[in-house]
Amino acid sequence: MLKNLSLLFVFATVFSLQAQDATKTDTTAVKKVEFKIDKEAVLTLDGTIKSFYKVISAKKDTVRNWKQFKYLFKKDAKLIPCGKDKMGVYHVGYLSPDEYKKKSSDWFKNNGFIQNEIHRKTEIFGNMAHAFSTFEAYHKTSDEEPFLRGINSIQLLYDEERWWIINIYWTHETYRNLIPRDYLPPRKKI
């Protein structure tokens, strides 16, 4: 079961940062990349969600800004993939941002993972918000079709200074579980 959740997780999106230098390898040399935290990104709900998608998206052999990733999440936040195992039973996994980074970094580096938000429905009450964020994922920006689609259920908290991601819970679209029309972009008029 855990192995299946790990595989599900690897194909998911979704989200950690460490206060260490990240390295990027090319075919000729190893270069140090110094990532910075964009503190302005979390001042709005929209900026926080866009920053999440930006930080987990990168082409193959590119190191992500894990510092910014971790900065998005409140202490004890979870990333929660959901999906069926080979027997058709639904399972969920619970990962801290650090665990997500550890489990996904190699897969992201070897495969490329570019996740685009294509639609969002947001509800806000007081200092809490919930966004149903529909996404498509690609291995390369030049890919014409996504290899994966799904919905991120993102819970956020506004603490009077900034927005924090509390949890991201997601599942992928399958041929038996298509994304409902209400969670897709409006159809273009002809």
N, C-alpha and C. Protein backbone atom coordinates (compact mmCIF):
# COMPACT_ATOMS: atom_id res chain seq x y z
N MET A 1 0.83 -1.18 0.00
CA MET A 1 0.00 0.00 0.00
C MET A 1 0.88 1.25 0.00
N LEU A 2 1.90 1.31 0.86
CA LEU A 2 2.77 2.47 0.94
C LEU A 2 3.54 2.67 -0.36
N LYS A 3 3.94 1.55 -0.98
CA LYS A 3 4.65 1.64 -2.25
C LYS A 3 3.75 2.26 -3.32
N ASN A 4 2.48 1.84 -3.34
CA ASN A 4 1.55 2.40 -4.31
C ASN A 4 1.31 3.88 -4.06
N LEU A 5 1.23 4.28 -2.78
CA LEU A 5 1.07 5.69 -2.46
C LEU A 5 2.29 6.47 -2.87
N SER A 6 3.47 5.86 -2.72
CA SER A 6 4.69 6.55 -3.15
C SER A 6 4.67 6.77 -4.66
N LEU A 7 4.24 5.76 -5.41
CA LEU A 7 4.16 5.91 -6.86
C LEU A 7 3.13 6.97 -7.23
N LEU A 8 1.98 6.94 -6.55
CA LEU A 8 0.96 7.95 -6.78
C LEU A 8 1.53 9.32 -6.49
N PHE A 9 2.26 9.41 -5.41
CA PHE A 9 2.85 10.67 -5.00
C PHE A 9 3.82 11.20 -6.03
N VAL A 10 4.64 10.31 -6.57
CA VAL A 10 5.64 10.73 -7.54
C VAL A 10 4.96 11.32 -8.77
N PHE A 11 3.83 10.78 -9.18
CA PHE A 11 3.14 11.30 -10.35
C PHE A 11 2.26 12.48 -10.02
N ALA A 12 2.17 12.85 -8.79
CA ALA A 12 1.35 13.96 -8.41
C ALA A 12 2.09 15.28 -8.55
N THR A 13 1.48 16.22 -8.01
CA THR A 13 2.13 17.48 -8.02
C THR A 13 2.95 17.69 -6.80
N VAL A 14 1.67 18.42 -6.46
CA VAL A 14 1.70 18.92 -5.46
C VAL A 14 2.83 19.23 -4.87
N PHE A 15 4.70 19.33 -3.57
CA PHE A 15 4.93 20.48 -2.78
C PHE A 15 6.01 20.31 -1.68
N SER A 16 9.01 21.57 -0.19
CA SER A 16 9.72 21.74 1.07
C SER A 16 10.95 22.52 0.83
N LEU A 17 11.30 23.22 1.75
CA LEU A 17 12.57 23.88 1.50
C LEU A 17 13.52 23.72 2.64
N GLN A 18 14.77 23.70 2.26
CA GLN A 18 15.81 23.53 3.23
C GLN A 18 16.71 24.74 3.14
N ALA A 19 17.32 25.11 4.22
CA ALA A 19 18.22 26.26 4.21
C ALA A 19 19.61 25.84 3.78
N GLN A 20 19.67 25.19 2.64
CA GLN A 20 20.95 24.75 2.11
C GLN A 20 21.06 25.17 0.66
N ASP A 21 22.26 25.22 0.15
CA ASP A 21 22.46 25.58 -1.25
C ASP A 21 21.97 24.45 -2.12
N ALA A 22 21.29 24.80 -3.18
CA ALA A 22 20.87 23.80 -4.16
C ALA A 22 21.93 23.77 -5.25
N THR A 23 22.10 22.61 -5.85
CA THR A 23 23.05 22.50 -6.95
C THR A 23 22.33 22.10 -8.21
N LYS A 24 22.90 22.50 -9.32
CA LYS A 24 22.34 22.17 -10.62
C LYS A 24 23.46 21.58 -11.45
N THR A 25 23.17 20.45 -12.08
CA THR A 25 24.20 19.78 -12.86
C THR A 25 23.92 19.95 -14.34
N ASP A 26 24.95 20.36 -15.09
CA ASP A 26 24.83 20.29 -16.53
C ASP A 26 25.93 19.36 -17.02
N THR A 27 26.07 19.22 -18.30
CA THR A 27 27.01 18.23 -18.83
C THR A 27 28.45 18.66 -18.71
N THR A 28 28.73 19.93 -18.44
CA THR A 28 30.11 20.39 -18.38
C THR A 28 30.61 20.69 -16.99
N ALA A 29 29.76 21.13 -16.10
CA ALA A 29 30.24 21.49 -14.77
C ALA A 29 29.08 21.52 -13.79
N VAL A 30 29.43 21.59 -12.51
CA VAL A 30 28.44 21.72 -11.46
C VAL A 30 28.42 23.18 -11.04
N LYS A 31 27.25 23.79 -11.08
CA LYS A 31 27.12 25.19 -10.71
C LYS A 31 26.26 25.29 -9.47
N LYS A 32 26.60 26.21 -8.61
CA LYS A 32 25.76 26.47 -7.44
C LYS A 32 24.70 27.47 -7.82
N VAL A 33 23.48 27.19 -7.39
CA VAL A 33 22.38 28.11 -7.63
C VAL A 33 21.90 28.56 -6.27
N GLU A 34 21.91 29.84 -6.06
CA GLU A 34 21.47 30.39 -4.78
C GLU A 34 20.01 30.83 -4.93
N PHE A 35 19.11 30.11 -4.30
CA PHE A 35 17.70 30.44 -4.39
C PHE A 35 17.33 31.41 -3.27
N LYS A 36 16.41 32.29 -3.59
CA LYS A 36 15.92 33.26 -2.62
C LYS A 36 14.43 33.02 -2.39
N ILE A 37 13.96 33.53 -1.28
CA ILE A 37 12.54 33.44 -0.95
C ILE A 37 11.86 34.72 -1.39
N ASP A 38 10.76 34.57 -2.12
CA ASP A 38 9.94 35.70 -2.54
C ASP A 38 8.86 35.90 -1.48
N LYS A 39 9.12 36.80 -0.54
CA LYS A 39 8.17 37.04 0.55
C LYS A 39 6.91 37.76 0.09
N GLU A 40 7.00 38.46 -1.03
CA GLU A 40 5.84 39.17 -1.58
C GLU A 40 4.80 38.19 -2.13
N ALA A 41 5.24 37.02 -2.55
CA ALA A 41 4.34 36.06 -3.20
C ALA A 41 3.21 35.60 -2.29
N VAL A 42 3.41 35.63 -0.99
CA VAL A 42 2.42 35.09 -0.06
C VAL A 42 1.51 36.15 0.54
N LEU A 43 1.59 37.37 0.04
CA LEU A 43 0.75 38.45 0.58
C LEU A 43 -0.69 38.35 0.09
N THR A 44 -0.89 37.65 -1.02
CA THR A 44 -2.24 37.44 -1.52
C THR A 44 -2.49 35.94 -1.68
N LEU A 45 -3.75 35.58 -1.64
CA LEU A 45 -4.11 34.17 -1.83
C LEU A 45 -3.70 33.72 -3.23
N ASP A 46 -3.99 34.53 -4.24
CA ASP A 46 -3.64 34.19 -5.61
C ASP A 46 -2.13 34.04 -5.76
N GLY A 47 -1.37 34.95 -5.18
CA GLY A 47 0.09 34.87 -5.25
C GLY A 47 0.64 33.61 -4.61
N THR A 48 0.04 33.20 -3.51
CA THR A 48 0.48 32.00 -2.80
C THR A 48 0.28 30.76 -3.66
N ILE A 49 -0.90 30.64 -4.26
CA ILE A 49 -1.20 29.48 -5.11
C ILE A 49 -0.33 29.50 -6.36
N LYS A 50 -0.18 30.65 -6.98
CA LYS A 50 0.68 30.74 -8.16
C LYS A 50 2.13 30.40 -7.82
N SER A 51 2.59 30.82 -6.64
CA SER A 51 3.96 30.51 -6.21
C SER A 51 4.13 29.00 -6.03
N PHE A 52 3.11 28.33 -5.51
CA PHE A 52 3.17 26.88 -5.37
C PHE A 52 3.38 26.22 -6.72
N TYR A 53 2.55 26.57 -7.71
CA TYR A 53 2.67 25.97 -9.03
C TYR A 53 4.02 26.30 -9.67
N LYS A 54 4.48 27.51 -9.47
CA LYS A 54 5.77 27.92 -10.05
C LYS A 54 6.92 27.12 -9.46
N VAL A 55 6.91 26.91 -8.15
CA VAL A 55 8.05 26.28 -7.50
C VAL A 55 8.13 24.78 -7.77
N ILE A 56 7.01 24.10 -7.98
CA ILE A 56 7.09 22.66 -8.24
C ILE A 56 7.26 22.35 -9.72
N SER A 57 7.17 23.36 -10.54
CA SER A 57 7.26 23.15 -11.99
C SER A 57 8.65 23.48 -12.51
N ALA A 58 9.25 22.51 -13.19
CA ALA A 58 10.55 22.74 -13.82
C ALA A 58 10.82 21.63 -14.81
N LYS A 59 11.62 21.96 -15.80
CA LYS A 59 11.97 20.95 -16.79
C LYS A 59 12.97 19.96 -16.20
N LYS A 60 13.22 18.91 -16.92
CA LYS A 60 14.15 17.85 -16.53
C LYS A 60 15.52 18.46 -16.20
N ASP A 61 16.20 17.88 -15.21
CA ASP A 61 17.54 18.29 -14.79
C ASP A 61 17.59 19.71 -14.22
N THR A 62 16.47 20.19 -13.71
CA THR A 62 16.44 21.51 -13.10
C THR A 62 16.08 21.38 -11.62
N VAL A 63 16.85 22.05 -10.79
CA VAL A 63 16.60 22.03 -9.35
C VAL A 63 15.52 23.05 -9.02
N ARG A 64 14.59 22.67 -8.20
CA ARG A 64 13.52 23.57 -7.79
C ARG A 64 13.97 24.44 -6.62
N ASN A 65 13.25 25.53 -6.42
CA ASN A 65 13.52 26.41 -5.29
C ASN A 65 12.79 25.86 -4.07
N TRP A 66 13.39 24.87 -3.44
CA TRP A 66 12.76 24.22 -2.29
C TRP A 66 12.64 25.17 -1.09
N LYS A 67 13.45 26.22 -1.04
CA LYS A 67 13.31 27.22 0.03
C LYS A 67 11.95 27.91 -0.09
N GLN A 68 11.62 28.32 -1.31
CA GLN A 68 10.32 28.97 -1.53
C GLN A 68 9.19 27.99 -1.26
N PHE A 69 9.36 26.75 -1.68
CA PHE A 69 8.35 25.72 -1.46
C PHE A 69 8.01 25.62 0.02
N LYS A 70 9.02 25.46 0.84
CA LYS A 70 8.77 25.29 2.28
C LYS A 70 8.19 26.55 2.89
N TYR A 71 8.58 27.72 2.37
CA TYR A 71 8.09 28.99 2.88
C TYR A 71 6.58 29.14 2.70
N LEU A 72 6.00 28.43 1.76
CA LEU A 72 4.57 28.51 1.49
C LEU A 72 3.71 27.84 2.56
N PHE A 73 4.29 26.88 3.29
CA PHE A 73 3.53 26.00 4.18
C PHE A 73 3.65 26.40 5.64
N LYS A 74 2.51 26.36 6.33
CA LYS A 74 2.46 26.55 7.79
C LYS A 74 3.07 25.32 8.45
N LYS A 75 3.62 25.51 9.64
CA LYS A 75 4.18 24.38 10.40
C LYS A 75 3.12 23.27 10.52
N ASP A 76 3.54 22.05 10.34
CA ASP A 76 2.69 20.86 10.42
C ASP A 76 1.73 20.70 9.23
N ALA A 77 1.92 21.49 8.18
CA ALA A 77 1.10 21.33 6.97
C ALA A 77 1.36 19.96 6.35
N LYS A 78 0.39 19.48 5.61
CA LYS A 78 0.50 18.17 4.96
C LYS A 78 0.19 18.26 3.48
N LEU A 79 0.83 17.40 2.73
CA LEU A 79 0.53 17.16 1.33
C LEU A 79 -0.06 15.76 1.29
N ILE A 80 -1.25 15.63 0.71
CA ILE A 80 -2.02 14.40 0.86
C ILE A 80 -2.45 13.86 -0.50
N PRO A 81 -1.66 12.95 -1.09
CA PRO A 81 -2.11 12.32 -2.33
C PRO A 81 -3.19 11.28 -2.05
N CYS A 82 -4.10 11.14 -2.99
CA CYS A 82 -5.19 10.17 -2.86
C CYS A 82 -5.35 9.44 -4.18
N GLY A 83 -5.54 8.15 -4.11
CA GLY A 83 -5.77 7.38 -5.32
C GLY A 83 -6.03 5.92 -5.01
N LYS A 84 -6.36 5.18 -6.06
CA LYS A 84 -6.65 3.75 -5.90
C LYS A 84 -5.39 2.93 -6.07
N ASP A 85 -5.34 1.81 -5.33
CA ASP A 85 -4.26 0.86 -5.53
C ASP A 85 -4.67 -0.13 -6.63
N LYS A 86 -3.85 -1.14 -6.86
CA LYS A 86 -4.14 -2.11 -7.93
C LYS A 86 -5.42 -2.90 -7.70
N MET A 87 -5.85 -2.97 -6.46
CA MET A 87 -7.08 -3.69 -6.14
C MET A 87 -8.31 -2.79 -6.20
N GLY A 88 -8.12 -1.50 -6.51
CA GLY A 88 -9.24 -0.58 -6.63
C GLY A 88 -9.66 0.06 -5.32
N VAL A 89 -8.82 -0.07 -4.29
CA VAL A 89 -9.14 0.50 -2.98
C VAL A 89 -8.48 1.88 -2.88
N TYR A 90 -9.25 2.88 -2.44
CA TYR A 90 -8.70 4.22 -2.27
C TYR A 90 -7.81 4.30 -1.03
N HIS A 91 -6.71 5.00 -1.17
CA HIS A 91 -5.79 5.24 -0.05
C HIS A 91 -5.35 6.69 -0.09
N VAL A 92 -4.90 7.19 1.05
CA VAL A 92 -4.31 8.52 1.13
C VAL A 92 -2.95 8.39 1.82
N GLY A 93 -2.07 9.31 1.52
CA GLY A 93 -0.78 9.39 2.19
C GLY A 93 -0.66 10.77 2.81
N TYR A 94 0.13 10.90 3.86
CA TYR A 94 0.30 12.17 4.55
C TYR A 94 1.78 12.49 4.58
N LEU A 95 2.17 13.57 3.90
CA LEU A 95 3.57 13.94 3.78
C LEU A 95 3.78 15.37 4.26
N SER A 96 4.86 15.56 5.00
CA SER A 96 5.26 16.93 5.33
C SER A 96 5.90 17.53 4.07
N PRO A 97 6.06 18.84 4.00
CA PRO A 97 6.77 19.41 2.85
C PRO A 97 8.17 18.81 2.68
N ASP A 98 8.88 18.55 3.77
CA ASP A 98 10.21 17.94 3.67
C ASP A 98 10.15 16.52 3.10
N GLU A 99 9.14 15.75 3.53
CA GLU A 99 8.98 14.39 2.99
C GLU A 99 8.62 14.44 1.51
N TYR A 100 7.80 15.39 1.12
CA TYR A 100 7.45 15.53 -0.29
C TYR A 100 8.69 15.82 -1.12
N LYS A 101 9.50 16.74 -0.64
CA LYS A 101 10.74 17.08 -1.35
C LYS A 101 11.62 15.84 -1.50
N LYS A 102 11.80 15.13 -0.42
CA LYS A 102 12.67 13.95 -0.44
C LYS A 102 12.17 12.89 -1.42
N LYS A 103 10.86 12.65 -1.41
CA LYS A 103 10.30 11.59 -2.26
C LYS A 103 10.19 11.99 -3.73
N SER A 104 10.07 13.28 -4.01
CA SER A 104 9.81 13.70 -5.38
C SER A 104 11.03 14.25 -6.12
N SER A 105 12.04 14.71 -5.44
CA SER A 105 13.17 15.41 -6.07
C SER A 105 13.80 14.63 -7.22
N ASP A 106 14.14 13.37 -6.99
CA ASP A 106 14.80 12.58 -8.05
C ASP A 106 13.87 12.36 -9.24
N TRP A 107 12.61 12.05 -8.96
CA TRP A 107 11.67 11.82 -10.06
C TRP A 107 11.50 13.10 -10.87
N PHE A 108 11.32 14.23 -10.18
CA PHE A 108 11.18 15.51 -10.87
C PHE A 108 12.40 15.78 -11.74
N LYS A 109 13.59 15.57 -11.19
CA LYS A 109 14.83 15.86 -11.92
C LYS A 109 14.95 14.97 -13.16
N ASN A 110 14.62 13.71 -13.03
CA ASN A 110 14.77 12.76 -14.14
C ASN A 110 13.68 12.84 -15.19
N ASN A 111 12.53 13.36 -14.85
CA ASN A 111 11.39 13.34 -15.77
C ASN A 111 10.88 14.71 -16.18
N GLY A 112 11.16 15.70 -15.43
CA GLY A 112 10.54 16.99 -15.69
C GLY A 112 9.10 16.96 -15.22
N PHE A 113 8.63 18.05 -14.64
CA PHE A 113 7.26 18.11 -14.14
C PHE A 113 6.84 19.57 -14.14
N ILE A 114 5.95 19.89 -15.06
CA ILE A 114 5.47 21.25 -15.18
C ILE A 114 3.96 21.20 -14.98
N GLN A 115 3.53 21.78 -13.87
CA GLN A 115 2.12 21.71 -13.51
C GLN A 115 1.50 23.09 -13.68
N ASN A 116 0.43 23.14 -14.47
CA ASN A 116 -0.27 24.40 -14.74
C ASN A 116 -1.67 24.35 -14.16
N GLU A 117 -2.03 25.41 -13.45
CA GLU A 117 -3.41 25.54 -12.99
C GLU A 117 -4.24 25.98 -14.18
N ILE A 118 -5.36 25.28 -14.42
CA ILE A 118 -6.21 25.64 -15.55
C ILE A 118 -7.56 26.18 -15.11
N HIS A 119 -7.89 26.02 -13.83
CA HIS A 119 -9.16 26.53 -13.31
C HIS A 119 -9.10 26.53 -11.79
N ARG A 120 -9.84 27.46 -11.19
CA ARG A 120 -9.87 27.50 -9.72
C ARG A 120 -11.22 27.99 -9.23
N LYS A 121 -11.73 27.32 -8.21
CA LYS A 121 -12.92 27.78 -7.48
C LYS A 121 -12.49 28.01 -6.04
N THR A 122 -12.71 29.22 -5.54
CA THR A 122 -12.23 29.58 -4.21
C THR A 122 -13.39 30.00 -3.32
N GLU A 123 -13.35 29.56 -2.08
CA GLU A 123 -14.31 29.97 -1.04
C GLU A 123 -13.50 30.56 0.10
N ILE A 124 -13.96 31.70 0.64
CA ILE A 124 -13.25 32.35 1.75
C ILE A 124 -14.24 32.66 2.84
N PHE A 125 -13.85 32.37 4.07
CA PHE A 125 -14.63 32.75 5.24
C PHE A 125 -13.64 33.23 6.29
N GLY A 126 -13.72 34.51 6.65
CA GLY A 126 -12.79 35.06 7.63
C GLY A 126 -11.36 34.90 7.15
N ASN A 127 -10.56 34.25 7.97
CA ASN A 127 -9.14 34.08 7.64
C ASN A 127 -8.83 32.72 7.01
N MET A 128 -9.86 31.96 6.66
CA MET A 128 -9.59 30.67 6.03
C MET A 128 -10.14 30.65 4.62
N ALA A 129 -9.43 29.88 3.78
CA ALA A 129 -9.83 29.78 2.38
C ALA A 129 -9.64 28.35 1.91
N HIS A 130 -10.46 28.00 0.92
CA HIS A 130 -10.35 26.70 0.27
C HIS A 130 -10.39 26.92 -1.23
N ALA A 131 -9.43 26.34 -1.93
CA ALA A 131 -9.41 26.45 -3.39
C ALA A 131 -9.42 25.06 -3.99
N PHE A 132 -10.35 24.81 -4.90
CA PHE A 132 -10.34 23.63 -5.74
C PHE A 132 -9.60 24.06 -7.00
N SER A 133 -8.37 23.61 -7.15
CA SER A 133 -7.49 24.07 -8.21
C SER A 133 -7.23 22.92 -9.19
N THR A 134 -7.80 23.04 -10.38
CA THR A 134 -7.64 22.01 -11.40
C THR A 134 -6.31 22.23 -12.12
N PHE A 135 -5.58 21.14 -12.35
CA PHE A 135 -4.26 21.26 -12.96
C PHE A 135 -4.07 20.28 -14.10
N GLU A 136 -3.11 20.63 -14.95
CA GLU A 136 -2.58 19.74 -15.97
C GLU A 136 -1.08 19.67 -15.75
N ALA A 137 -0.48 18.50 -16.01
CA ALA A 137 0.96 18.33 -15.83
C ALA A 137 1.60 17.84 -17.12
N TYR A 138 2.78 18.39 -17.38
CA TYR A 138 3.55 18.08 -18.59
C TYR A 138 4.98 17.73 -18.18
N HIS A 139 5.66 16.97 -19.01
CA HIS A 139 7.08 16.70 -18.78
C HIS A 139 7.94 17.84 -19.32
N LYS A 140 7.48 18.47 -20.43
CA LYS A 140 8.21 19.56 -21.08
C LYS A 140 7.22 20.64 -21.47
N THR A 141 7.69 21.85 -21.58
CA THR A 141 6.82 22.95 -22.01
C THR A 141 6.36 22.76 -23.45
N SER A 142 7.11 22.01 -24.22
CA SER A 142 6.73 21.79 -25.62
C SER A 142 5.72 20.66 -25.81
N ASP A 143 5.40 19.91 -24.75
CA ASP A 143 4.40 18.85 -24.87
C ASP A 143 3.05 19.44 -25.26
N GLU A 144 2.39 18.79 -26.20
CA GLU A 144 1.10 19.29 -26.66
C GLU A 144 -0.05 18.83 -25.77
N GLU A 145 0.09 17.67 -25.17
CA GLU A 145 -0.96 17.12 -24.31
C GLU A 145 -0.40 16.83 -22.92
N PRO A 146 -1.19 17.08 -21.88
CA PRO A 146 -0.71 16.76 -20.53
C PRO A 146 -0.65 15.24 -20.33
N PHE A 147 0.30 14.78 -19.53
CA PHE A 147 0.34 13.36 -19.19
C PHE A 147 -0.51 13.08 -17.96
N LEU A 148 -0.98 14.14 -17.31
CA LEU A 148 -1.72 13.98 -16.06
C LEU A 148 -2.60 15.21 -15.84
N ARG A 149 -3.81 14.96 -15.32
CA ARG A 149 -4.69 16.05 -14.88
C ARG A 149 -5.28 15.64 -13.54
N GLY A 150 -5.70 16.64 -12.78
CA GLY A 150 -6.32 16.35 -11.50
C GLY A 150 -6.77 17.62 -10.81
N ILE A 151 -7.13 17.46 -9.55
CA ILE A 151 -7.57 18.60 -8.74
C ILE A 151 -6.79 18.61 -7.43
N ASN A 152 -6.25 19.79 -7.11
CA ASN A 152 -5.64 20.05 -5.81
C ASN A 152 -6.68 20.75 -4.95
N SER A 153 -6.98 20.18 -3.80
CA SER A 153 -7.83 20.84 -2.82
C SER A 153 -6.88 21.52 -1.85
N ILE A 154 -6.81 22.86 -1.91
CA ILE A 154 -5.81 23.61 -1.16
C ILE A 154 -6.51 24.39 -0.04
N GLN A 155 -6.08 24.13 1.19
CA GLN A 155 -6.59 24.86 2.35
C GLN A 155 -5.55 25.88 2.76
N LEU A 156 -6.02 27.11 3.00
CA LEU A 156 -5.10 28.19 3.33
C LEU A 156 -5.57 28.96 4.56
N LEU A 157 -4.62 29.62 5.22
CA LEU A 157 -4.87 30.45 6.40
C LEU A 157 -4.25 31.82 6.16
N TYR A 158 -5.01 32.87 6.48
CA TYR A 158 -4.46 34.22 6.47
C TYR A 158 -4.28 34.64 7.92
N ASP A 159 -3.04 34.98 8.30
CA ASP A 159 -2.75 35.31 9.71
C ASP A 159 -2.62 36.81 9.95
N GLU A 160 -3.25 37.61 9.12
CA GLU A 160 -3.21 39.07 9.14
C GLU A 160 -1.92 39.65 8.58
N GLU A 161 -0.98 38.78 8.20
CA GLU A 161 0.26 39.24 7.60
C GLU A 161 0.51 38.59 6.23
N ARG A 162 0.09 37.33 6.08
CA ARG A 162 0.36 36.60 4.85
C ARG A 162 -0.54 35.38 4.79
N TRP A 163 -0.56 34.72 3.61
CA TRP A 163 -1.29 33.47 3.42
C TRP A 163 -0.34 32.30 3.61
N TRP A 164 -0.84 31.25 4.25
CA TRP A 164 -0.10 30.00 4.47
C TRP A 164 -0.90 28.85 3.88
N ILE A 165 -0.22 27.92 3.27
CA ILE A 165 -0.89 26.68 2.86
C ILE A 165 -0.90 25.77 4.08
N ILE A 166 -2.10 25.29 4.42
CA ILE A 166 -2.27 24.39 5.56
C ILE A 166 -2.19 22.94 5.10
N ASN A 167 -2.88 22.63 4.01
CA ASN A 167 -2.88 21.29 3.42
C ASN A 167 -3.12 21.39 1.92
N ILE A 168 -2.55 20.43 1.20
CA ILE A 168 -2.92 20.23 -0.20
C ILE A 168 -3.26 18.75 -0.33
N TYR A 169 -4.50 18.49 -0.73
CA TYR A 169 -5.03 17.13 -0.86
C TYR A 169 -5.45 17.00 -2.32
N TRP A 170 -4.94 15.96 -3.01
CA TRP A 170 -5.21 15.87 -4.45
C TRP A 170 -5.46 14.46 -4.92
N THR A 171 -6.11 14.41 -6.07
CA THR A 171 -6.30 13.16 -6.78
C THR A 171 -6.21 13.44 -8.27
N HIS A 172 -5.90 12.40 -9.01
CA HIS A 172 -5.74 12.52 -10.46
C HIS A 172 -7.01 12.12 -11.18
N GLU A 173 -7.15 12.66 -12.36
CA GLU A 173 -8.25 12.25 -13.23
C GLU A 173 -7.92 10.87 -13.80
N THR A 174 -8.94 10.03 -13.90
CA THR A 174 -8.81 8.73 -14.56
C THR A 174 -9.95 8.61 -15.55
N TYR A 175 -9.90 7.59 -16.37
CA TYR A 175 -10.99 7.41 -17.33
C TYR A 175 -12.31 7.09 -16.62
N ARG A 176 -12.25 6.63 -15.39
CA ARG A 176 -13.48 6.36 -14.62
C ARG A 176 -13.85 7.52 -13.69
N ASN A 177 -12.93 8.44 -13.53
CA ASN A 177 -13.15 9.58 -12.64
C ASN A 177 -12.71 10.84 -13.36
N LEU A 178 -13.57 11.29 -14.29
CA LEU A 178 -13.26 12.47 -15.09
C LEU A 178 -13.52 13.74 -14.27
N ILE A 179 -12.74 14.78 -14.55
CA ILE A 179 -12.93 16.05 -13.87
C ILE A 179 -14.28 16.63 -14.30
N PRO A 180 -15.14 16.99 -13.33
CA PRO A 180 -16.45 17.55 -13.68
C PRO A 180 -16.32 18.89 -14.42
N ARG A 181 -17.26 19.18 -15.29
CA ARG A 181 -17.28 20.40 -16.08
C ARG A 181 -17.15 21.64 -15.19
N ASP A 182 -17.75 21.63 -13.98
CA ASP A 182 -17.69 22.78 -13.07
C ASP A 182 -16.26 23.13 -12.65
N TYR A 183 -15.34 22.20 -12.79
CA TYR A 183 -13.96 22.42 -12.36
C TYR A 183 -12.99 22.52 -13.54
N LEU A 184 -13.54 22.82 -14.72
CA LEU A 184 -12.74 23.02 -15.92
C LEU A 184 -12.97 24.45 -16.41
N PRO A 185 -12.04 24.98 -17.20
CA PRO A 185 -12.24 26.33 -17.74
C PRO A 185 -13.51 26.39 -18.57
N PRO A 186 -14.13 27.57 -18.64
CA PRO A 186 -15.33 27.70 -19.47
C PRO A 186 -15.00 27.36 -20.92
N ARG A 187 -15.97 26.76 -21.58
CA ARG A 187 -15.78 26.42 -23.00
C ARG A 187 -15.74 27.70 -23.81
N LYS A 188 -14.87 27.69 -24.81
CA LYS A 188 -14.77 28.86 -25.70
C LYS A 188 -15.95 28.86 -26.66
N LYS A 189 -16.51 30.04 -26.85
CA LYS A 189 -17.63 30.18 -27.78
C LYS A 189 -17.09 30.21 -29.21
N ILE A 190 -17.80 29.57 -30.08
CA ILE A 190 -17.39 29.50 -31.49
C ILE A 190 -18.06 30.59 -32.29
